């Protein structure tokens, strides 16, 4: 996301064990052998991403898009206005002529914060742990506030970042807006803010599931996650322009790994600054951190191990504010 990657392309689960950060250097993966992943399935839905303008300099509409069925709302904004405090409000409106159901399955937010990388990591950790099931019936043209940062003191230079999984039975419109702290949440007649270099848009994929087979031969293998060929295309509903989700923010990848020999699985950020978390097959969460950009040694985090013939799953999403790609590596010894 632009504010953190300028210069780069960028408690319900009480028994989850968060693994400590423990790094091993990887200077190069030139001697690693590429493994291609096989797409098993994609879960369609609507991802409404509000990240541009990332630096919010005035009140106005940040993004707006339509939603019907399964959806994921993602937002990531820094207050750079002259307002003492801004408020971030997300509202949803029933566009049908009959009452419709709105279900909220997950809802997490982190901030306001000045620790931008940490915010993305904390948000993703909380998302993995979050389970919600809130039901609302919206009358025709009824407006519902999904989020309001009132009372959060979203001061200049601080970041608000969040994700929410929702489901609707009919067509609804979601609007992200920045308003004055003194305004009512119903503030109207707001101008549409111009986007900056960060991504925004509506995308039709929420989850991807892949299978991957690690050979039996002793050696080092890898696959890169979040490369440009995998970026999801969409549309900016405010401008009608094509949109590109650079890095696939907000899209969860489930990677099912089958090992033909005993294998160690590692993850290594390769795109620049990175601070995230991944979930292993047993439900454990593993912190992955790389807070620098120009360092020869790239830290690899051990995620888990597979015995010969085992199949296990890794769940990965690029954290808000971090840079793609990430190297998924396999050590067969």
Protein backbone atom coordinates (compact mmCIF):
# COMPACT_ATOMS: atom_id res chain seq x y z
CA UNK A 1 0.00 0.00 0.00
CA UNK A 2 1.35 3.32 -1.11
CA UNK A 3 2.13 4.94 2.24
CA UNK A 4 4.42 2.07 3.20
CA UNK A 5 5.72 0.88 -0.15
CA UNK A 6 6.81 4.04 -1.98
CA UNK A 7 9.79 2.92 -3.95
CA UNK A 8 8.49 -0.63 -4.23
CA UNK A 9 5.96 -2.49 -6.39
CA UNK A 10 4.67 -2.55 -4.02
CA UNK A 11 -11.17 -14.51 20.68
CA UNK A 12 -12.79 -17.19 19.66
CA UNK A 13 -9.76 -19.25 18.81
CA UNK A 14 -8.35 -19.15 22.34
CA UNK A 15 -6.21 -22.19 21.87
CA UNK A 16 -4.30 -20.95 18.86
CA UNK A 17 -0.56 -20.85 19.46
CA UNK A 18 1.19 -17.82 17.97
CA UNK A 19 4.70 -18.92 17.08
CA UNK A 20 7.55 -16.52 17.93
CA UNK A 21 9.50 -14.76 15.21
CA UNK A 22 12.69 -16.70 14.52
CA UNK A 23 14.61 -15.88 11.36
CA UNK A 24 17.05 -17.78 9.21
CA UNK A 25 18.95 -15.96 6.45
CA UNK A 26 18.40 -16.68 2.77
CA UNK A 27 20.77 -14.71 0.55
CA UNK A 28 19.43 -16.09 -2.71
CA UNK A 29 17.06 -18.72 -3.97
CA UNK A 30 18.82 -19.10 -7.34
CA UNK A 31 19.56 -22.74 -6.51
CA UNK A 32 15.93 -23.43 -5.57
CA UNK A 33 13.73 -25.37 -8.01
CA UNK A 34 10.41 -23.80 -8.97
CA UNK A 35 7.20 -25.66 -8.14
CA UNK A 36 4.08 -24.60 -9.97
CA UNK A 37 0.88 -24.52 -7.96
CA UNK A 38 -2.33 -25.94 -9.34
CA UNK A 39 -5.52 -23.98 -8.90
CA UNK A 40 -8.16 -26.10 -7.27
CA UNK A 41 -10.96 -23.59 -6.86
CA UNK A 42 -11.83 -19.91 -6.42
CA UNK A 43 -14.51 -18.58 -4.11
CA UNK A 44 -16.28 -15.76 -5.85
CA UNK A 45 -17.75 -12.79 -4.06
CA UNK A 46 -17.19 -9.05 -3.95
CA UNK A 47 -14.08 -7.51 -2.43
CA UNK A 48 -14.60 -3.77 -1.96
CA UNK A 49 -11.18 -2.24 -1.33
CA UNK A 50 -10.87 1.32 -0.04
CA UNK A 51 -7.18 2.24 0.02
CA UNK A 52 -6.97 5.21 -2.34
CA UNK A 53 -6.46 7.96 -1.51
CA UNK A 54 -4.37 6.26 1.16
CA UNK A 55 -3.39 9.67 2.53
CA UNK A 56 -6.73 11.36 3.26
CA UNK A 57 -6.26 15.13 3.01
CA UNK A 58 -9.89 16.27 3.16
CA UNK A 59 -13.42 15.09 3.86
CA UNK A 60 -15.19 13.18 1.11
CA UNK A 61 -16.15 9.81 -0.33
CA UNK A 62 -13.20 7.40 -0.29
CA UNK A 63 -14.84 4.57 -2.22
CA UNK A 64 -18.27 3.21 -3.09
CA UNK A 65 -19.36 -0.07 -4.61
CA UNK A 66 -22.22 -2.54 -4.96
CA UNK A 67 -22.51 -5.80 -3.08
CA UNK A 68 -24.80 -8.80 -3.49
CA UNK A 69 -24.11 -12.10 -1.73
CA UNK A 70 -20.75 -12.77 -0.10
CA UNK A 71 -18.47 -9.80 0.34
CA UNK A 72 -15.32 -8.60 2.04
CA UNK A 73 -14.73 -4.97 2.94
CA UNK A 74 -11.13 -3.78 3.25
CA UNK A 75 -9.98 -0.29 4.18
CA UNK A 76 -6.60 1.27 4.90
CA UNK A 77 -6.31 5.05 5.28
CA UNK A 78 -4.01 7.61 6.90
CA UNK A 79 -5.33 10.97 8.14
CA UNK A 80 -3.22 13.63 6.44
CA UNK A 81 -5.81 16.41 6.59
CA UNK A 82 -5.68 19.73 8.38
CA UNK A 83 -8.63 18.59 10.49
CA UNK A 84 -7.71 18.01 14.12
CA UNK A 85 -9.52 14.70 13.88
CA UNK A 86 -11.25 12.91 11.02
CA UNK A 87 -13.87 10.18 11.25
CA UNK A 88 -14.04 7.14 9.03
CA UNK A 89 -17.58 5.93 8.42
CA UNK A 90 -18.70 2.88 6.43
CA UNK A 91 -22.38 2.65 5.57
CA UNK A 92 -24.48 0.13 3.66
CA UNK A 93 -27.84 0.82 2.00
CA UNK A 94 -30.48 -1.69 0.89
CA UNK A 95 -31.22 -0.97 -2.79
CA UNK A 96 -34.05 -3.49 -3.09
CA UNK A 97 -37.79 -2.80 -2.86
CA UNK A 98 -38.19 -5.49 -0.19
CA UNK A 99 -36.49 -6.11 3.18
CA UNK A 100 -33.13 -7.87 2.89
CA UNK A 101 -30.83 -9.74 5.26
CA UNK A 102 -27.38 -8.44 6.19
CA UNK A 103 -25.05 -10.86 7.97
CA UNK A 104 -21.69 -9.87 9.45
CA UNK A 105 -19.38 -12.88 9.80
CA UNK A 106 -16.09 -11.20 10.69
CA UNK A 107 -15.26 -7.62 11.68
CA UNK A 108 -11.79 -6.45 12.74
CA UNK A 109 -10.12 -3.04 12.86
CA UNK A 110 -6.78 -1.83 14.16
CA UNK A 111 -5.76 1.72 14.94
CA UNK A 112 -5.57 4.60 14.92
CA UNK A 113 -1.87 3.76 14.97
CA UNK A 114 1.47 5.20 13.93
CA UNK A 115 3.01 1.72 13.63
CA UNK A 116 1.85 0.98 10.12
CA UNK A 117 3.50 -2.41 9.58
CA UNK A 118 2.45 -3.66 13.00
CA UNK A 119 -1.12 -2.57 12.29
CA UNK A 120 -1.31 -4.81 9.23
CA UNK A 121 0.05 -7.76 11.16
CA UNK A 122 -2.27 -7.26 14.13
CA UNK A 123 -5.26 -6.87 11.84
CA UNK A 124 -4.56 -10.14 10.03
CA UNK A 125 -3.95 -12.00 13.29
CA UNK A 126 -7.28 -10.76 14.64
CA UNK A 127 -8.99 -11.65 11.36
CA UNK A 128 -7.80 -15.25 11.62
CA UNK A 129 -9.18 -15.42 15.17
CA UNK A 130 -12.42 -13.55 14.55
CA UNK A 131 -15.79 -15.27 14.36
CA UNK A 132 -19.00 -13.29 14.31
CA UNK A 133 -22.60 -13.89 13.32
CA UNK A 134 -24.62 -10.70 13.51
CA UNK A 135 -27.91 -10.55 11.61
CA UNK A 136 -29.80 -7.44 10.55
CA UNK A 137 -32.88 -6.92 8.40
CA UNK A 138 -32.74 -3.76 6.33
CA UNK A 139 -35.89 -2.17 5.00
CA UNK A 140 -35.96 -0.78 1.44
CA UNK A 141 -33.52 2.15 1.19
CA UNK A 142 -32.59 1.73 4.86
CA UNK A 143 -29.05 2.81 5.72
CA UNK A 144 -26.95 0.91 8.27
CA UNK A 145 -23.64 2.05 9.74
CA UNK A 146 -21.14 -0.79 9.54
CA UNK A 147 -18.32 1.17 11.14
CA UNK A 148 -17.81 4.61 12.69
CA UNK A 149 -14.47 5.66 14.15
CA UNK A 150 -16.10 8.30 16.34
CA UNK A 151 -14.25 8.44 19.65
CA UNK A 152 -11.14 6.77 18.20
CA UNK A 153 -9.15 10.04 17.84
CA UNK A 154 -8.06 9.46 14.25
CA UNK A 155 -5.44 12.19 14.46
CA UNK A 156 -3.17 13.49 11.71
CA UNK A 157 -0.55 10.99 10.62
CA UNK A 158 -2.30 7.97 12.13
CA UNK A 159 -3.65 4.93 10.31
CA UNK A 160 -6.99 3.12 10.43
CA UNK A 161 -7.05 -0.33 8.83
CA UNK A 162 -9.76 -2.97 8.87
CA UNK A 163 -11.55 -5.90 7.25
CA UNK A 164 -15.09 -7.19 7.44
CA UNK A 165 -16.78 -10.26 5.93
CA UNK A 166 -20.46 -9.78 5.15
CA UNK A 167 -23.27 -11.50 3.27
CA UNK A 168 -26.47 -10.03 1.85
CA UNK A 169 -29.60 -11.49 0.28
CA UNK A 170 -30.03 -8.58 -2.12
CA UNK A 171 -28.30 -5.67 -3.80
CA UNK A 172 -26.74 -3.17 -1.41
CA UNK A 173 -24.38 -0.21 -1.78
CA UNK A 174 -21.38 0.27 0.50
CA UNK A 175 -19.83 3.72 0.96
CA UNK A 176 -16.56 4.55 2.71
CA UNK A 177 -16.30 8.21 3.68
CA UNK A 178 -14.08 10.54 5.66
CA UNK A 179 -16.01 13.21 7.53
CA UNK A 180 -15.28 15.94 10.02
CA UNK A 181 -15.30 14.82 13.62
CA UNK A 182 -17.99 17.42 14.27
CA UNK A 183 -20.26 16.11 11.50
CA UNK A 184 -23.08 13.68 12.00
CA UNK A 185 -22.59 10.19 10.61
CA UNK A 186 -25.31 10.98 8.06
CA UNK A 187 -23.10 13.60 6.36
CA UNK A 188 -24.20 13.94 2.72
CA UNK A 189 -23.23 15.83 -0.44
CA UNK A 190 -19.61 14.82 0.00
CA UNK A 191 -17.22 15.14 -2.93
CA UNK A 192 -15.60 12.06 -4.38
CA UNK A 193 -11.92 12.12 -3.48
CA UNK A 194 -9.37 11.49 -6.22
CA UNK A 195 -7.35 8.33 -5.83
CA UNK A 196 -3.58 8.32 -5.40
CA UNK A 197 -1.04 5.60 -6.25
CA UNK A 198 -2.52 3.06 -3.84
CA UNK A 199 -5.09 0.52 -5.13
CA UNK A 200 -8.85 0.67 -4.77
CA UNK A 201 -11.70 -1.04 -6.53
CA UNK A 202 -14.18 -3.90 -6.66
CA UNK A 203 -12.90 -7.42 -7.29
CA UNK A 204 -14.80 -10.68 -7.74
CA UNK A 205 -12.57 -13.14 -5.86
CA UNK A 206 -12.41 -13.63 -2.09
CA UNK A 207 -10.55 -16.93 -1.64
CA UNK A 208 -8.22 -19.09 -3.70
CA UNK A 209 -7.37 -22.72 -2.96
CA UNK A 210 -4.37 -24.42 -4.55
CA UNK A 211 -2.75 -27.82 -4.39
CA UNK A 212 1.02 -28.22 -4.53
CA UNK A 213 3.16 -31.36 -4.60
CA UNK A 214 6.72 -31.35 -3.27
CA UNK A 215 9.01 -33.92 -4.99
CA UNK A 216 10.81 -36.68 -3.13
CA UNK A 217 14.26 -35.72 -4.41
CA UNK A 218 16.53 -34.03 -1.86
CA UNK A 219 16.79 -30.32 -2.57
CA UNK A 220 15.30 -26.88 -2.18
CA UNK A 221 12.04 -25.87 -3.85
CA UNK A 222 10.01 -22.69 -3.97
CA UNK A 223 6.98 -20.84 -5.23
CA UNK A 224 6.39 -17.07 -5.20
CA UNK A 225 3.11 -15.78 -3.78
CA UNK A 226 1.64 -12.50 -4.98
CA UNK A 227 3.46 -12.07 -8.28
CA UNK A 228 1.94 -9.82 -10.97
CA UNK A 229 0.63 -12.73 -13.04
CA UNK A 230 -1.64 -13.65 -10.13
CA UNK A 231 -2.99 -10.16 -9.38
CA UNK A 232 -6.77 -9.95 -9.60
CA UNK A 233 -8.35 -7.48 -12.01
CA UNK A 234 -11.46 -5.50 -11.18
CA UNK A 235 -13.12 -2.14 -11.67
CA UNK A 236 -13.17 1.21 -9.91
CA UNK A 237 -16.91 1.80 -9.55
CA UNK A 238 -16.43 5.52 -8.92
CA UNK A 239 -14.59 6.19 -12.19
CA UNK A 240 -15.42 3.17 -14.35
CA UNK A 241 -11.70 2.56 -14.86
CA UNK A 242 -10.03 -0.83 -14.69
CA UNK A 243 -8.55 -1.67 -11.30
CA UNK A 244 -5.70 -4.00 -10.37
CA UNK A 245 -5.22 -5.51 -6.92
CA UNK A 246 -1.43 -5.26 -6.78
CA UNK A 247 -0.41 -7.95 -4.31
CA UNK A 248 -3.94 -9.32 -3.87
CA UNK A 249 -4.74 -7.55 -0.62
CA UNK A 250 -7.84 -8.97 1.05
CA UNK A 251 -7.74 -12.27 -0.85
CA UNK A 252 -7.09 -15.37 1.27
CA UNK A 253 -4.99 -18.11 -0.29
CA UNK A 254 -5.31 -21.69 0.97
CA UNK A 255 -2.34 -23.78 -0.19
CA UNK A 256 -2.66 -27.55 0.26
CA UNK A 257 0.81 -29.09 0.25
CA UNK A 258 1.49 -32.79 -0.31
CA UNK A 259 5.01 -34.04 0.45
CA UNK A 260 6.56 -37.09 -1.20
CA UNK A 261 9.35 -37.00 1.40
CA UNK A 262 9.92 -35.37 4.78
CA UNK A 263 9.72 -31.62 4.12
CA UNK A 264 10.20 -28.35 6.01
CA UNK A 265 8.02 -25.42 4.90
CA UNK A 266 9.38 -21.87 5.12
CA UNK A 267 8.16 -18.40 4.19
CA UNK A 268 10.43 -15.54 3.18
CA UNK A 269 9.27 -11.98 2.28
CA UNK A 270 10.95 -10.86 -0.95
CA UNK A 271 9.20 -7.63 -1.95
CA UNK A 272 10.45 -5.19 0.66
CA UNK A 273 9.02 -4.24 4.03
CA UNK A 274 6.74 -6.92 5.44
CA UNK A 275 5.08 -7.73 8.74
CA UNK A 276 2.39 -10.38 8.69
CA UNK A 277 1.10 -13.67 9.98
CA UNK A 278 0.23 -17.00 8.36
CA UNK A 279 -1.84 -19.93 9.64
CA UNK A 280 -0.56 -23.48 9.53
CA UNK A 281 -2.56 -26.69 9.26
CA UNK A 282 -2.86 -27.20 13.03
CA UNK A 283 -4.35 -23.71 13.50
CA UNK A 284 -1.13 -22.18 14.80
CA UNK A 285 -0.32 -18.63 13.74
CA UNK A 286 3.24 -17.73 12.71
CA UNK A 287 4.56 -14.17 12.73
CA UNK A 288 6.59 -13.15 9.69
CA UNK A 289 8.55 -9.90 9.84
CA UNK A 290 10.97 -7.98 7.66
CA UNK A 291 11.07 -4.33 8.70
CA UNK A 292 13.90 -3.26 6.38
CA UNK A 293 14.13 -2.94 2.62
CA UNK A 294 17.72 -3.11 1.46
CA UNK A 295 19.40 -5.96 3.28
CA UNK A 296 21.20 -8.80 1.58
CA UNK A 297 20.04 -11.49 3.95
CA UNK A 298 16.35 -12.28 3.59
CA UNK A 299 14.89 -13.84 6.72
CA UNK A 300 13.06 -17.14 6.33
CA UNK A 301 10.53 -18.24 8.91
CA UNK A 302 9.93 -21.93 9.47
CA UNK A 303 6.19 -22.56 9.27
CA UNK A 304 5.88 -26.31 9.73
CA UNK A 305 6.93 -29.80 8.72
CA UNK A 306 5.38 -32.62 6.72
CA UNK A 307 6.13 -36.32 6.88
CA UNK A 308 6.31 -38.37 3.72
CA UNK A 309 2.81 -38.71 2.24
CA UNK A 310 1.21 -36.04 4.40
CA UNK A 311 -0.97 -33.20 3.11
CA UNK A 312 -1.22 -29.99 5.12
CA UNK A 313 -2.63 -26.54 4.48
CA UNK A 314 -1.12 -23.06 4.75
CA UNK A 315 -3.39 -19.98 4.80
CA UNK A 316 -1.82 -16.76 3.53
CA UNK A 317 -2.97 -13.20 2.88
CA UNK A 318 -0.75 -10.21 2.09
CA UNK A 319 -1.01 -7.93 5.15
CA UNK A 320 -2.25 -4.38 4.69
CA UNK A 321 0.77 -2.12 4.28
CA UNK A 322 3.26 -4.87 3.39
CA UNK A 323 4.83 -5.57 0.00
CA UNK A 324 4.60 -8.63 -2.24
CA UNK A 325 5.86 -11.13 -3.24
CA UNK A 326 6.64 -13.73 -0.59
CA UNK A 327 8.65 -16.88 -1.19
CA UNK A 328 7.07 -20.14 -0.07
CA UNK A 329 9.97 -22.57 0.25
CA UNK A 330 10.35 -26.31 0.80
CA UNK A 331 13.42 -28.05 2.16
CA UNK A 332 13.59 -31.75 1.37
CA UNK A 333 16.47 -33.46 3.19
